[in-house]
Protein backbone atom coordinates (compact mmCIF):
# COMPACT_ATOMS: atom_id res chain seq x y z
CA MET A 1 -22.35 32.58 34.82
CA LEU A 2 -19.55 32.30 32.27
CA SER A 3 -19.75 28.51 32.44
CA ASN A 4 -23.51 28.53 31.89
CA TRP A 5 -23.15 30.89 28.93
CA ALA A 6 -20.47 28.67 27.33
CA GLN A 7 -22.61 25.55 27.77
CA SER A 8 -25.64 27.30 26.31
CA SER A 9 -23.59 28.49 23.35
CA ASN A 10 -22.29 24.97 22.74
CA ASN A 11 -25.83 23.57 22.83
CA VAL A 12 -26.86 25.99 20.09
CA ASN A 13 -23.93 24.84 17.95
CA LEU A 14 -24.74 21.20 18.67
CA ALA A 15 -28.36 21.71 17.59
CA SER A 16 -27.16 23.42 14.41
CA PHE A 17 -24.94 20.43 13.57
CA ALA A 18 -27.77 17.98 14.34
CA GLU A 19 -30.18 19.80 12.03
CA SER A 20 -27.58 20.08 9.26
CA LEU A 21 -26.94 16.34 9.52
CA GLU A 22 -30.63 15.54 9.06
CA ILE A 23 -30.79 17.82 6.02
CA ALA A 24 -27.75 16.09 4.46
CA LYS A 25 -28.98 12.56 5.25
CA ARG A 26 -32.24 13.29 3.47
CA GLY A 27 -30.51 14.75 0.43
CA LYS A 28 -32.16 18.14 0.89
CA PRO A 29 -30.77 21.54 -0.22
CA PHE A 30 -28.71 23.63 2.19
CA THR A 31 -31.36 26.35 1.98
CA ASP A 32 -33.82 24.06 3.77
CA GLY A 33 -32.12 25.02 7.03
CA GLU A 34 -33.82 28.42 7.05
CA TYR A 35 -37.15 26.84 6.09
CA VAL A 36 -36.94 24.31 8.94
CA LYS A 37 -36.01 27.06 11.38
CA ASP A 38 -38.97 29.20 10.33
CA CYS A 39 -41.30 26.22 10.83
CA PHE A 40 -39.72 25.52 14.21
CA ILE A 41 -40.24 29.12 15.34
CA ARG A 42 -43.84 29.22 14.15
CA ALA A 43 -44.73 25.90 15.80
CA SER A 44 -42.96 26.84 19.04
CA GLU A 45 -45.02 29.99 19.38
CA GLU A 46 -48.03 27.76 19.94
CA LEU A 47 -46.33 24.74 21.48
CA PHE A 48 -44.71 26.64 24.36
CA CYS A 49 -47.37 29.30 24.88
CA ASP A 50 -48.08 28.13 28.46
CA PHE A 51 -44.41 27.74 29.45
CA LYS A 52 -43.07 30.28 31.90
CA ASN A 53 -39.69 30.32 30.16
CA LYS A 54 -41.16 30.64 26.67
CA ALA A 55 -39.09 33.74 25.94
CA GLU A 56 -35.88 31.88 26.79
CA ILE A 57 -36.87 28.92 24.61
CA MET A 58 -37.77 31.14 21.68
CA LYS A 59 -34.45 32.97 21.95
CA LYS A 60 -32.56 29.67 21.76
CA ILE A 61 -34.47 28.68 18.63
CA LYS A 62 -33.92 32.06 16.99
CA ASP A 63 -30.20 31.85 17.82
CA LEU A 64 -29.89 28.65 15.76
CA ALA A 65 -27.49 29.25 12.86
CA LEU A 66 -29.11 27.49 9.91
CA SER A 67 -28.37 29.70 6.93
CA ALA A 68 -27.47 27.96 3.67
CA ARG A 69 -23.80 28.86 4.13
CA THR A 70 -23.79 27.54 7.71
CA VAL A 71 -25.47 24.25 6.76
CA GLN A 72 -22.95 23.85 3.94
CA ASP A 73 -20.05 24.46 6.32
CA ARG A 74 -21.47 22.05 8.93
CA THR A 75 -21.94 19.39 6.26
CA ALA A 76 -18.32 19.68 5.11
CA LYS A 77 -17.02 19.40 8.68
CA MET A 78 -19.19 16.35 9.45
CA SER A 79 -18.09 14.67 6.22
CA SER A 80 -14.41 15.18 7.14
CA ASN A 81 -15.11 13.83 10.63
CA VAL A 82 -16.73 10.69 9.25
CA THR A 83 -13.87 10.16 6.79
CA HIS A 84 -11.35 10.41 9.63
CA MET A 85 -13.36 7.89 11.67
CA TYR A 86 -13.43 5.12 9.09
CA MET A 87 -9.89 5.81 7.90
CA SER A 88 -8.75 5.31 11.51
CA SER A 89 -10.75 2.10 11.93
CA GLN A 90 -8.89 -1.22 11.86
CA ALA A 91 -11.88 -3.28 10.76
CA PRO A 92 -13.07 -3.53 7.12
CA LYS A 93 -15.97 -1.31 6.16
CA GLU A 94 -17.76 -0.56 2.90
CA GLU A 95 -17.55 3.23 2.74
CA LEU A 96 -17.33 5.93 0.10
CA LEU A 97 -13.75 7.22 -0.03
CA GLY A 98 -14.30 9.95 -2.59
CA LEU A 99 -16.20 11.20 -5.61
CA LEU A 100 -13.91 11.70 -8.61
CA PRO A 101 -15.25 13.82 -11.48
CA LEU A 102 -13.45 13.40 -14.82
CA SER A 103 -13.68 16.68 -16.69
CA GLY A 104 -11.49 15.73 -19.66
CA GLN A 105 -10.89 12.37 -21.27
CA THR A 106 -12.14 9.18 -19.65
CA ARG A 107 -9.52 6.71 -20.80
CA GLY A 108 -8.36 3.93 -18.52
CA GLU A 109 -5.18 5.92 -17.87
CA ASP A 110 -7.20 8.97 -16.78
CA ILE A 111 -9.33 6.93 -14.41
CA ALA A 112 -6.25 5.22 -12.93
CA ASN A 113 -4.52 8.57 -12.35
CA ALA A 114 -7.61 10.01 -10.66
CA VAL A 115 -7.94 6.99 -8.37
CA GLN A 116 -4.23 7.03 -7.51
CA LYS A 117 -4.40 10.75 -6.61
CA CYS A 118 -7.44 10.10 -4.41
CA LEU A 119 -5.54 7.36 -2.57
CA GLU A 120 -2.53 9.64 -2.11
CA ASP A 121 -4.71 12.50 -0.83
CA ASN A 122 -6.17 10.15 1.78
CA GLY A 123 -2.79 8.74 2.79
CA ILE A 124 -3.40 5.25 1.36
CA HIS A 125 -0.38 3.54 -0.15
CA ILE A 126 -1.11 1.70 -3.39
CA ASN A 127 0.54 -1.44 -1.96
CA LYS A 128 -2.23 -1.67 0.62
CA ILE A 129 -4.82 -2.33 -2.09
CA VAL A 130 -5.82 -6.00 -1.87
CA SER A 131 -8.26 -6.19 -4.79
CA ILE A 132 -9.84 -3.93 -7.41
CA ALA A 133 -13.29 -4.45 -8.92
CA THR A 134 -14.49 -2.56 -11.99
CA ASP A 135 -17.88 -2.23 -13.60
CA GLY A 136 -16.96 -2.59 -17.24
CA ALA A 137 -19.45 -5.04 -18.74
CA ARG A 138 -22.62 -2.94 -18.74
CA ASN A 139 -22.73 -2.76 -22.56
CA THR A 140 -23.39 -6.48 -22.84
CA GLU A 141 -25.92 -6.80 -20.01
CA SER A 142 -29.67 -7.26 -20.42
CA GLY A 143 -29.43 -7.88 -24.15
CA LYS A 144 -27.75 -4.52 -24.89
CA LEU A 145 -25.35 -5.77 -27.54
CA LEU A 146 -24.48 -2.33 -28.99
CA HIS A 147 -21.55 -2.91 -31.39
CA PHE A 148 -22.48 -6.57 -31.90
CA LYS A 149 -25.93 -5.49 -33.01
CA ASN A 150 -24.40 -2.93 -35.39
CA LEU A 151 -22.20 -5.63 -36.94
CA LYS A 152 -25.25 -7.78 -37.66
CA GLN A 153 -27.03 -4.79 -39.19
CA TYR A 154 -23.97 -4.04 -41.35
CA ARG A 155 -23.90 -7.63 -42.61
CA ASP A 156 -27.61 -7.56 -43.46
CA ASP A 157 -27.40 -4.18 -45.21
CA THR A 158 -24.30 -4.91 -47.29
CA ASN A 159 -24.50 -8.70 -47.74
CA ALA A 160 -20.88 -8.76 -46.58
CA THR A 161 -19.13 -12.03 -45.79
CA ILE A 162 -17.85 -12.20 -42.22
CA ASP A 163 -14.92 -14.43 -41.30
CA THR A 164 -16.52 -16.48 -38.52
CA ASN A 165 -13.26 -18.39 -38.01
CA TYR A 166 -11.63 -15.19 -36.72
CA PHE A 167 -14.35 -14.71 -34.11
CA SER A 168 -14.24 -18.38 -33.19
CA ILE A 169 -10.54 -18.13 -32.40
CA ALA A 170 -11.11 -14.90 -30.45
CA LEU A 171 -13.84 -16.51 -28.34
CA LYS A 172 -11.61 -19.53 -27.64
CA ASN A 173 -8.81 -17.23 -26.50
CA MET A 174 -11.25 -15.44 -24.22
CA LYS A 175 -12.40 -18.76 -22.76
CA ASP A 176 -8.81 -19.83 -22.12
CA GLY A 177 -8.10 -16.47 -20.54
CA PHE A 178 -11.04 -16.81 -18.15
CA ALA A 179 -9.98 -20.36 -17.27
CA GLU A 180 -6.47 -19.14 -16.47
CA ARG A 181 -7.75 -16.26 -14.39
CA PHE A 182 -10.11 -18.39 -12.29
CA GLU A 183 -7.41 -20.98 -11.81
CA GLN A 184 -6.17 -18.58 -9.13
CA PHE A 185 -9.14 -19.58 -6.97
CA LYS A 186 -7.78 -23.12 -6.83
CA THR A 187 -4.23 -22.02 -5.99
CA ASN A 188 -5.53 -19.62 -3.30
CA ASN A 189 -8.13 -22.01 -1.90
CA SER A 190 -6.43 -22.24 1.52
CA THR A 191 -6.20 -18.44 1.75
CA LEU A 192 -9.88 -17.94 0.93
CA ALA A 193 -11.01 -20.74 3.26
CA PHE A 194 -9.03 -19.25 6.14
CA ILE A 195 -11.79 -16.84 7.19
CA VAL A 196 -14.17 -19.73 7.94
CA ASN A 197 -11.79 -22.51 8.95
CA PRO A 198 -8.67 -20.86 10.42
CA LEU A 199 -8.04 -23.72 12.84
CA ILE A 200 -7.55 -26.37 10.17
CA THR A 201 -5.85 -24.26 7.50
CA ASN A 202 -2.29 -25.13 6.51
CA THR A 203 -0.41 -21.84 6.97
CA ASN A 204 2.25 -22.96 4.48
CA GLU A 205 -0.41 -22.82 1.74
CA ILE A 206 -1.58 -19.29 2.58
CA ASN A 207 -0.61 -16.51 0.16
CA ASN A 208 0.60 -13.80 2.54
CA GLU A 209 2.10 -11.41 0.02
CA PRO A 210 -1.02 -9.41 -1.01
CA PHE A 211 -1.93 -8.74 2.62
CA GLY A 212 1.47 -7.73 4.00
CA ILE A 213 1.42 -10.51 6.60
CA ASP A 214 4.49 -11.68 8.49
CA ALA A 215 4.42 -15.46 8.02
CA GLY A 216 6.28 -16.24 11.24
CA SER A 217 4.01 -14.08 13.41
CA LEU A 218 0.96 -15.53 11.68
CA GLN A 219 1.98 -19.11 12.52
CA MET A 220 2.73 -18.28 16.15
CA GLN A 221 -0.53 -16.39 16.65
CA LEU A 222 -2.54 -19.13 14.98
CA LEU A 223 -0.95 -21.76 17.23
CA ASP A 224 -1.83 -19.63 20.23
CA LEU A 225 -5.38 -19.23 18.95
CA LYS A 226 -5.83 -22.99 18.67
CA THR A 227 -4.88 -23.47 22.32
CA LYS A 228 -7.41 -20.92 23.58
CA ASP A 229 -10.76 -22.70 23.86
CA LEU A 230 -12.61 -19.39 24.30
CA TRP A 231 -11.56 -18.09 20.89
CA SER A 232 -11.17 -21.31 18.92
CA GLY A 233 -14.68 -22.35 19.93
CA LYS A 234 -16.08 -19.27 18.20
CA PHE A 235 -15.04 -20.65 14.82
CA THR A 236 -15.89 -24.30 15.39
CA GLU A 237 -19.45 -23.39 16.39
CA LEU A 238 -20.04 -20.56 13.91
CA LYS A 239 -20.96 -22.56 10.82
CA SER A 240 -22.79 -25.41 12.59
CA LYS A 241 -25.05 -23.05 14.55
CA LEU A 242 -26.00 -21.17 11.42
CA GLU A 243 -26.87 -24.36 9.52
CA VAL A 244 -28.90 -25.77 12.43
CA GLN A 245 -30.81 -22.52 12.72
CA LYS A 246 -31.65 -22.50 9.03
CA CYS A 247 -32.73 -26.16 9.07
CA MET A 248 -35.10 -25.49 11.97
CA TYR A 249 -36.83 -22.64 10.16
CA ILE A 250 -37.08 -24.62 6.92
CA ALA A 251 -38.47 -27.69 8.71
CA GLU A 252 -41.19 -25.54 10.26
CA HIS A 253 -41.79 -23.75 6.94
CA LYS A 254 -40.98 -20.37 8.46
CA TRP A 255 -39.62 -19.00 5.20
CA THR A 256 -40.12 -15.37 6.17
CA ALA A 257 -38.02 -15.90 9.30
CA LEU A 258 -34.97 -16.71 7.13
CA LYS A 259 -34.66 -12.99 6.40
CA GLU A 260 -34.19 -12.35 10.10
CA ILE A 261 -31.15 -14.64 10.36
CA PRO A 262 -27.92 -12.63 10.29
CA ARG A 263 -26.02 -12.88 7.02
CA VAL A 264 -23.16 -15.37 6.94
CA GLU A 265 -20.73 -12.52 6.19
CA ALA A 266 -21.90 -10.59 9.26
CA LEU A 267 -21.48 -13.61 11.52
CA ILE A 268 -18.01 -14.35 10.17
CA PHE A 269 -16.95 -10.74 10.61
CA GLY A 270 -18.40 -10.69 14.12
CA ALA A 271 -16.36 -13.73 15.11
CA TRP A 272 -13.13 -12.13 13.87
CA ASN A 273 -13.90 -8.71 15.26
CA ILE A 274 -14.02 -9.89 18.88
CA LEU A 275 -10.53 -11.39 18.76
CA PRO A 276 -8.04 -9.47 20.95
CA GLU A 277 -5.31 -7.38 19.30
CA CYS A 278 -2.66 -9.88 20.39
CA HIS A 279 -3.79 -11.82 17.30
CA ASN A 280 -3.30 -8.81 15.03
CA GLU A 281 -1.62 -10.69 12.16
CA VAL A 282 -4.36 -13.30 12.12
CA LYS A 283 -7.03 -10.60 12.09
CA LYS A 284 -5.17 -8.65 9.42
CA LEU A 285 -5.23 -11.66 7.10
CA ALA A 286 -8.92 -12.32 7.78
CA TYR A 287 -9.86 -8.69 7.19
CA GLY A 288 -7.84 -8.63 3.98
CA VAL A 289 -9.65 -11.70 2.62
CA LEU A 290 -13.04 -10.32 3.69
CA THR A 291 -12.48 -7.10 1.74
CA ILE A 292 -12.17 -9.09 -1.49
CA PHE A 293 -15.80 -10.16 -1.24
CA GLY A 294 -17.41 -6.77 -0.74
CA SER A 295 -20.88 -6.30 -2.16
CA ILE A 296 -21.89 -3.80 -4.86
CA TYR A 297 -24.63 -2.44 -2.60
CA SER A 298 -22.61 0.59 -1.50
CA CYS A 299 -21.79 1.49 -5.10
CA GLU A 300 -25.37 1.13 -6.27
CA GLN A 301 -26.61 3.05 -3.24
CA ALA A 302 -24.18 5.88 -3.96
CA PHE A 303 -25.43 6.29 -7.54
CA SER A 304 -29.05 6.27 -6.40
CA CYS A 305 -28.38 8.81 -3.64
CA MET A 306 -26.36 11.00 -6.00
CA ASN A 307 -29.34 11.31 -8.33
CA ILE A 308 -31.52 12.32 -5.37
CA ILE A 309 -29.04 14.88 -4.02
CA LYS A 310 -28.09 16.52 -7.31
CA SER A 311 -31.53 16.99 -8.78
CA LYS A 312 -32.44 19.41 -11.58
CA VAL A 313 -33.05 22.20 -9.07
CA ARG A 314 -29.54 21.77 -7.57
CA SER A 315 -27.53 22.05 -10.77
CA GLN A 316 -25.12 24.54 -9.14
CA LEU A 317 -24.03 22.09 -6.43
CA THR A 318 -20.24 21.78 -6.51
CA ASN A 319 -18.52 18.40 -6.70
CA LYS A 320 -16.98 18.91 -3.26
CA ASN A 321 -20.34 19.69 -1.65
CA LEU A 322 -21.91 16.76 -3.50
CA GLU A 323 -19.22 14.44 -2.10
CA SER A 324 -19.84 15.72 1.45
CA CYS A 325 -23.60 15.21 1.15
CA LEU A 326 -23.14 11.77 -0.41
CA LYS A 327 -20.82 10.59 2.37
CA LEU A 328 -23.25 11.63 5.11
CA LYS A 329 -26.20 10.04 3.32
CA THR A 330 -24.53 6.68 2.70
CA THR A 331 -22.15 6.19 5.64
CA SER A 332 -22.76 3.76 8.49
CA TYR A 333 -20.79 6.03 10.81
CA LYS A 334 -22.21 8.84 12.95
CA PRO A 335 -20.22 12.08 13.07
CA ASN A 336 -19.08 13.19 16.50
CA LEU A 337 -21.36 16.22 16.82
CA ILE A 338 -20.31 17.00 20.39
CA LYS A 339 -16.63 17.20 19.42
CA LEU A 340 -17.39 19.30 16.35
CA SER A 341 -19.64 21.73 18.22
CA LYS A 342 -17.11 22.23 21.02
CA GLY A 343 -14.45 23.09 18.47
CA MET A 344 -16.40 26.05 17.11
CA GLN A 345 -17.24 29.48 18.33
CA SER A 346 -20.87 30.36 18.86
CA GLN A 347 -22.47 31.69 15.69
CA CYS A 348 -25.85 33.15 16.43
CA SER A 349 -28.36 33.79 13.71
CA HIS A 350 -28.92 37.39 12.66
């Protein structure tokens, strides 16, 4: 009897977590838990009217804890669970690490300090960062010239003479700076090409330093990889199969079918992901290079979802609760509801 009661209690908790997850994934307010429960009770009165155990079913539904405070608590626990899952993962993933509000100044120094604190709070050493991408050119996109437009207006209004030679020199310096920066692609060509052609890459030309790779272990594991037909064949066939598949669809004019072909990035990642852990240094290098070429989809998705979650009617939503909701709405991971529900005492609705 005690065992049955404990299992029943855990099922109620599990259902509460499942409902809270659906509310968070849809960007709905925590108070919707009570609304959903009321609808569930009303519908069940009719749906189970001919069931012999209707009273037992109705009691289970009424015992569901779905108050706003409970849904908020469940959401926070599921968010922490998801964070732990992808922080423990060895493979690269595009996930939201945190939401960092800047209440004071927004200088570069303030942003850097906030990011560094977030990394420290999550146990990530700054030396593990392979690359950093910023979104700092929005003012010059889509014809939004801002200050440049104001300069033109100032010249027209005042008939002032502008030293074009100064701007010419500045633009030349910018061009030279870009050329110098992108010269790194040439010097790191072997490193970048490694993820597609690891079997023919000269390991002496690979830049190991940013990825924390042991050069000796890398060479030995790569030599071992080349002698294993099972694994080496995955990379020799990867690119050719993809190209043949595309050519077949194009030849038959099946343009819509091209969307169904897995993305090149997904196929490359899949090939590396199946390698055994005995090639850990090789995989570490590949994963490090793959993280450099992350998409901006996750970032754009987060902004879009944030606007949905924190609408005008949810102006009192705290930053911490917003972060929890945003993680659950954008993550590719599924929280372990069974583990979470077992770790809690039964909390029946009153």
